[in-house]
Amino acid sequence: MSVIQSIQEKYAKLMAVIIALALILFVVMLAFENGGSLFRGSNSRDIGTVNGKTIEFDSFEKKKEAAKAQLEQQYGGSMPGLEEQAVNQAWSQEVAGVVLAGELDKLGMAIGKNELGDILYGANPPQDLKQQFTDSTGRYNAVMAKQQVDQMLKSASAEQKMQFSAYIEQLELYRLNEKYTSLLSNSINYPKWLVEKQIADNSQLANVSMVREFYTSIADSSVKITDADIADYISKHKKQFKQEETRGIAYVNFSALPTTNDTAAAKDKLLKLKPELDSTKNLKQFLETQANNKFYDGYINGKTIQVPMKDSIFAQPVGTTYGPYLDGGSFSLAKLTGIRQQPDTVTVRHILVGLTISDPQSGQSIPIRDSATAYKLADSIRNAIAQGSSFDTLLQKFSTDQGSIANGGKYEKVTAGRMVSEFNDFIFANPVGAKGIVKTEFGTHYIEILSTTGSSPAYRVAYLTQPIEASSETDAAAVNEANLFAGKARNQKEFDAAIATLKAEGKVKAFASDITPNASQIPGLGASRAFVRDIYAADLGDVLAPQRVGENYVVAIVTEVNEKGTQSTAKARLSVEPLLRNRKKAEAITQKIGTVTTLDAVAAKLGKTIEVADSIRMQNNTSPVLAGESAVIGAAFNPENKGKVVTTPIYGSNGVYVIRVDNVSATTVSATLAEQRQARTQQAKMSSMYPQAALMEAADIKDNRGKVY
C-alpha cells in the first residue's frame, strides 16, 4: 500500500498536467471542427457578412421562416425547393437591405411615424391590405384595415407580433428604396449636345469597296493556343472572367425505381382492399384509414372530371367499384356512389361568418369566434336580409371572406368541385333564388343562388389509390450495386475503369457542372441539398459515397473546383480560344497581304475580288455584307479614313477586311431633337430603376449559406 501511495504522490502533478493538456487539445479540436473560431470569437453559424456587417443565424432564420410562410400561402402549401427559395429570398432581402441602408445613412433618409401610417392606410397601401379591405365600389377602406390590424395586434402572440414587425420593416425598406430610386432617376440629364451628336452620326450613310478574307480559310488545327496565351488574355480582361464559387461532378446512377414485382405487389394489395371498399357504410372513414384523406363527398360534372378510364367508371351501376386501373404512378379503384343532373356553372353571393381572420403579414389564422356563435350570427344575417336589410351593408360589416368582398360577395360561374363539398352541394342542388345557411370548415355561410348556366350529368366518385413503390428488396439491391461500384472507384482512373465494365448494362458517365454552394437542385439529377453539401465537403478527385437522389443512388466524383474570383485558364479556354485563334489567323492573313497600296493589289495577293457594301449606317446597319462587323462599320465612318485610298487591314468578327470609303453622305432623320432627347432620358431613367445590382456588385459580400443550410 505504501508503494502505491508513494507512486501517487510522486506522479500526481505530472498526471494533472497530462489531463489538462488533453482537455485543452480536445477543446481546440472541437473549435476547429466548428470552423476554427475559438480565438477569433466568430460564429460558424453566421450566414455571412455584407460590407462588414454580420448576418447572424438567429435573426436570419426568423426572416427565412417568415419568407417560407409567405411562399406556402402563395403556393397553397409546401412544395419541393421551397426551403431553398425561402433562404434565397431572405438572403436577397437581407443583402439589399444592408447595402441600401449604407446609402440611405449617407443621405440621411428615414421613414417617420406619419409616413408609416401613410404607407399602410394612405392612397397607395400594400397590395395584400388593399386586396382584403377594398369595398364593392373599389374604394380602399383604410378605417376597416386599421381596425382589423389593431384588433389582430391586441390578441396576437409574441411570434405574430414579431412577424408583423418584420412585415413593417419590409414595407419601410420598400418605401426607402422608392425614395432612393426616385432620387437617382430624377437627377438624370441627357445633354442636348450628346443627342445632337448621335442624330448627326445616325443620319450618315456610307458606301465602301472592300476585299475580305475569312478566318475559315485557315484550318483551326494549324493554329495552336497555349495556356500562356489564355492567361495573358484573362489578365487583360479580368472583369469578363469573374466567377462565383462552383463545383462540377461526373456521376453514374443506380436505379431504385419499382420493378415489375413491385408493380404486381401494389396491384395485389389494392385488390385485397376491394371487397371492403364495396361493402363499407362509411366511405370517408374507410378511406382515411387507408391514408386517402382527399375524399371529396360531392357531385362533379362529368366533363370536368379528368381521370383515366372515366367513361368506364361512369358506365357502371351506382354502388359498384371499377378497377384496379393505372393512374400515373399508382393503381386506383373508383367507386361510383351517385349520379344526378346539375348546372355546369353557378353564380352565387355569400357572407362568410368565419371562425378566424388572417394575419395580414404571415397569413396565419387567428381565432375570433366558435362554430355555435358563427351559426347564430349567420342566422341573424338571414333574418335581417329577409326583413329588408341591405346585403351589401351586412357583407361589409360581417364577412370574413376578404377575397369576395370587393366583388359584392359574389363567386361567378363556379364549376362543381371548386368549393368545399357542403358549399358545393347546396349551390348545385338548389334552384336559382334559393337562400340558406351552410356550415363548412371555414365557418357559417349565408348563401344566395343568383344564376346558373348549362346542365349535364354529375357524378360522385370515391377513389382508393395505392402508389407503386420500390420494395425494401429493390432498394437494397440498388444500394448494394452502388456500394460495389464505389468500392472499385476510389480515384478518377478507377472511376472510369469501373464505368467501362458497366457499359453492357446501359450505365454511362454523366456530368453536372456549375453547382453553387447554396443549390438544392443538381442539373440532370434532381433535388438533394444533402448531396450538394457532400460535394462541397469533398476535394477535387474525391469519390463520394453513394447518395440517394430522387429515384436513383448516385456515385459521383468531384471533377471541378472553381473558387470565387477569376476563372482558371482551363475554365476560360472554351470561350477565349476561338478569339485568340482568330487573332492569330488575322495576323497570318495580314502578313500575307503585306504592305497595303491599292484594293486591286490586296485582291491579287489574296486571290479575291473587290466587293461593294452600300447603304451602311452607324446604328441599325441593314447591309447584309457587313452584318455584325462593328469594327469595319466604325472604320467606314472614321473621319481619318475619308479621302484615303485604302485602309490598313481591319480585324473583324469573321475575317480580315481592307476597305476604301467611296462616299459618306447625310440623310434626313424623322425624329426631332426634343423627341430623341426625351426618349433617351426616359430610357436612362428606366435603367436607373434597379440600382440594387450595382450596389451589390460594389459591396463586399461573404456568403456562408451553403455551410449552414
Foldseek 3Di string as FASTA:
>chain_A
DVVVVVVCVVCVVVVVVVVVVVVVVVVQVVCVVLPNCPPVPDHSQFQWDWQRRTRRNVVLVLQLVLLLLVVCVVVVHDDPPSSLVSSVVSVVVVNLLVLLVVVCVVVVDFADPVNLLCQCQNPPHDPLQLLLQQFQVRRGDSVVSVVVQVVCVVPDDPSLVVLVVVVSVVSRSVVSLVVVLCVVLVVDADDLVVLVVVQQQQQKWFKWKWDWDFLVVDDLVVDDDDLVNLVVVCVVVVVVFFDAWKFKWKKWWQFLFADPVLVVVQQVVVVVCQVVCLPDPDNCVVQVVLVNNPAAQAWAFLVPDDFPPSVVQVPDDQSHKDDQDDTPQKTKIKHWHDKDKWFQFFKKFKAFQFQWAASSSSRDTDGDDDQVVLVVVLVVVVVCVVVPDDLLVCNSVGGRPSNCRNVSRMDGGDGAPPDGRQVRCVQTVDDAQDWDWTQDPGHIMTMHTHDGHHMGMITRMGMRIGGSGRDPVSVVVQLVVQQVLCVQPFFDVSNVVSQVVCVVVVMDIDMFIRHHLSDQATPPFGGHLPVSLQLVVDDQGGWDRFDDTPRTTMIMGTHDTAHGGGGRSVVCCVPVVVVVSLVVSQVVLLVQQPDDDANVSSCVSVVHDMDMWTRAHLPPGPTPVCVQFNQVSVLLPPPVLPPPRKDRWDRTPGTIMIMHTPDMDGHDDDDDSVRSSVVVSVVVSVVSSDCSVVSSVPMDIDGPNSVND
